[in-house]
Amino acid sequence: MRGKVVLACTKCGSRNYVTMNNRQGQTTRLELKKFCKTCNSHTIHRETK
């Protein structure tokens, strides 16, 4: 089962990206290095609740 996951910037906290992720059996949050429009740089984005 795949579900929507919202990714938020760790630096400024803005929620920039929405992606799909397989949540079954996952205990840790997804972390990706993406471009943040607010910070104007590449930062780590984490999955939010």
N, C-alpha and C. Protein backbone atom coordinates (compact mmCIF):
# COMPACT_ATOMS: atom_id res chain seq x y z
N MET A 1 0.83 -1.17 0.00
CA MET A 1 0.00 0.00 0.00
C MET A 1 0.88 1.24 0.00
N ARG A 2 0.64 2.12 -0.95
CA ARG A 2 1.43 3.34 -1.06
C ARG A 2 0.60 4.51 -0.57
N GLY A 3 1.24 5.43 0.10
CA GLY A 3 0.53 6.58 0.63
C GLY A 3 1.29 7.87 0.34
N LYS A 4 0.59 8.99 0.43
CA LYS A 4 1.20 10.29 0.21
C LYS A 4 2.10 10.64 1.38
N VAL A 5 3.24 11.23 1.07
CA VAL A 5 4.20 11.67 2.07
C VAL A 5 4.55 13.12 1.76
N VAL A 6 4.48 13.98 2.78
CA VAL A 6 4.84 15.39 2.62
C VAL A 6 6.24 15.58 3.16
N LEU A 7 7.12 16.25 2.38
CA LEU A 7 8.48 16.49 2.78
C LEU A 7 8.66 17.95 3.18
N ALA A 8 9.27 18.19 4.35
CA ALA A 8 9.49 19.54 4.86
C ALA A 8 10.98 19.80 5.00
N CYS A 9 11.38 21.02 4.73
CA CYS A 9 12.78 21.44 4.85
C CYS A 9 13.19 21.44 6.32
N THR A 10 14.39 20.95 6.61
CA THR A 10 14.86 20.91 7.99
C THR A 10 15.37 22.28 8.44
N LYS A 11 15.74 23.13 7.50
CA LYS A 11 16.28 24.45 7.84
C LYS A 11 15.17 25.45 8.16
N CYS A 12 14.21 25.61 7.24
CA CYS A 12 13.17 26.64 7.42
C CYS A 12 11.81 26.06 7.79
N GLY A 13 11.59 24.76 7.56
CA GLY A 13 10.34 24.13 7.95
C GLY A 13 9.24 24.20 6.91
N SER A 14 9.49 24.79 5.75
CA SER A 14 8.45 24.89 4.73
C SER A 14 8.23 23.53 4.07
N ARG A 15 6.97 23.24 3.77
CA ARG A 15 6.60 21.97 3.16
C ARG A 15 6.55 22.14 1.65
N ASN A 16 7.57 21.64 0.97
CA ASN A 16 7.76 21.91 -0.45
C ASN A 16 7.34 20.77 -1.37
N TYR A 17 7.48 19.54 -0.95
CA TYR A 17 7.31 18.41 -1.84
C TYR A 17 6.30 17.40 -1.31
N VAL A 18 5.59 16.76 -2.25
CA VAL A 18 4.69 15.65 -1.94
C VAL A 18 5.11 14.50 -2.83
N THR A 19 5.29 13.32 -2.24
CA THR A 19 5.71 12.15 -2.99
C THR A 19 4.95 10.93 -2.49
N MET A 20 5.09 9.83 -3.17
CA MET A 20 4.47 8.57 -2.78
C MET A 20 5.54 7.67 -2.16
N ASN A 21 5.14 6.93 -1.12
CA ASN A 21 6.08 6.06 -0.43
C ASN A 21 5.37 4.81 0.05
N ASN A 22 6.08 3.69 0.03
CA ASN A 22 5.56 2.44 0.54
C ASN A 22 5.73 2.45 2.06
N ARG A 23 4.65 2.62 2.80
CA ARG A 23 4.71 2.78 4.26
C ARG A 23 4.75 1.45 5.00
N GLN A 24 4.46 0.36 4.35
CA GLN A 24 4.38 -0.93 5.02
C GLN A 24 5.76 -1.37 5.49
N GLY A 25 5.91 -1.57 6.80
CA GLY A 25 7.16 -2.05 7.36
C GLY A 25 8.21 -0.98 7.56
N GLN A 26 7.86 0.27 7.41
CA GLN A 26 8.82 1.36 7.54
C GLN A 26 8.74 1.97 8.94
N THR A 27 9.88 2.05 9.63
CA THR A 27 9.90 2.62 10.97
C THR A 27 10.55 3.99 11.01
N THR A 28 11.43 4.29 10.05
CA THR A 28 12.12 5.58 10.03
C THR A 28 11.47 6.50 9.00
N ARG A 29 11.66 7.79 9.20
CA ARG A 29 11.11 8.78 8.27
C ARG A 29 12.00 8.92 7.05
N LEU A 30 11.38 9.21 5.94
CA LEU A 30 12.09 9.38 4.68
C LEU A 30 12.88 10.69 4.71
N GLU A 31 14.15 10.66 4.26
CA GLU A 31 14.99 11.85 4.17
C GLU A 31 15.59 11.92 2.79
N LEU A 32 15.39 13.06 2.11
CA LEU A 32 15.94 13.27 0.78
C LEU A 32 16.57 14.65 0.71
N LYS A 33 17.63 14.78 -0.08
CA LYS A 33 18.24 16.08 -0.28
C LYS A 33 17.59 16.71 -1.51
N LYS A 34 16.83 17.80 -1.28
CA LYS A 34 16.07 18.46 -2.34
C LYS A 34 16.36 19.96 -2.31
N PHE A 35 15.95 20.66 -3.37
CA PHE A 35 16.12 22.11 -3.45
C PHE A 35 14.96 22.79 -2.75
N CYS A 36 15.26 23.73 -1.85
CA CYS A 36 14.24 24.50 -1.14
C CYS A 36 14.17 25.89 -1.76
N LYS A 37 12.98 26.28 -2.21
CA LYS A 37 12.79 27.58 -2.84
C LYS A 37 12.94 28.72 -1.83
N THR A 38 12.55 28.47 -0.58
CA THR A 38 12.62 29.49 0.46
C THR A 38 14.07 29.77 0.87
N CYS A 39 14.84 28.71 1.09
CA CYS A 39 16.25 28.84 1.49
C CYS A 39 17.16 29.12 0.30
N ASN A 40 16.69 28.82 -0.90
CA ASN A 40 17.44 28.97 -2.14
C ASN A 40 18.73 28.13 -2.13
N SER A 41 18.63 26.91 -1.57
CA SER A 41 19.77 26.01 -1.54
C SER A 41 19.28 24.57 -1.41
N HIS A 42 20.17 23.62 -1.60
CA HIS A 42 19.85 22.21 -1.43
C HIS A 42 19.96 21.86 0.05
N THR A 43 18.88 21.36 0.63
CA THR A 43 18.85 20.99 2.04
C THR A 43 18.19 19.62 2.19
N ILE A 44 18.31 19.06 3.38
CA ILE A 44 17.66 17.78 3.66
C ILE A 44 16.19 18.04 3.96
N HIS A 45 15.33 17.27 3.31
CA HIS A 45 13.88 17.35 3.54
C HIS A 45 13.45 16.05 4.19
N ARG A 46 12.69 16.16 5.28
CA ARG A 46 12.20 14.99 6.02
C ARG A 46 10.70 14.82 5.88
N GLU A 47 10.29 13.59 6.02
CA GLU A 47 8.86 13.25 6.00
C GLU A 47 8.18 13.84 7.25
N THR A 48 7.02 14.46 7.05
CA THR A 48 6.25 15.00 8.16
C THR A 48 5.08 14.09 8.46
N LYS A 49 4.44 14.30 9.61
CA LYS A 49 3.28 13.49 9.99
C LYS A 49 2.05 13.93 9.26
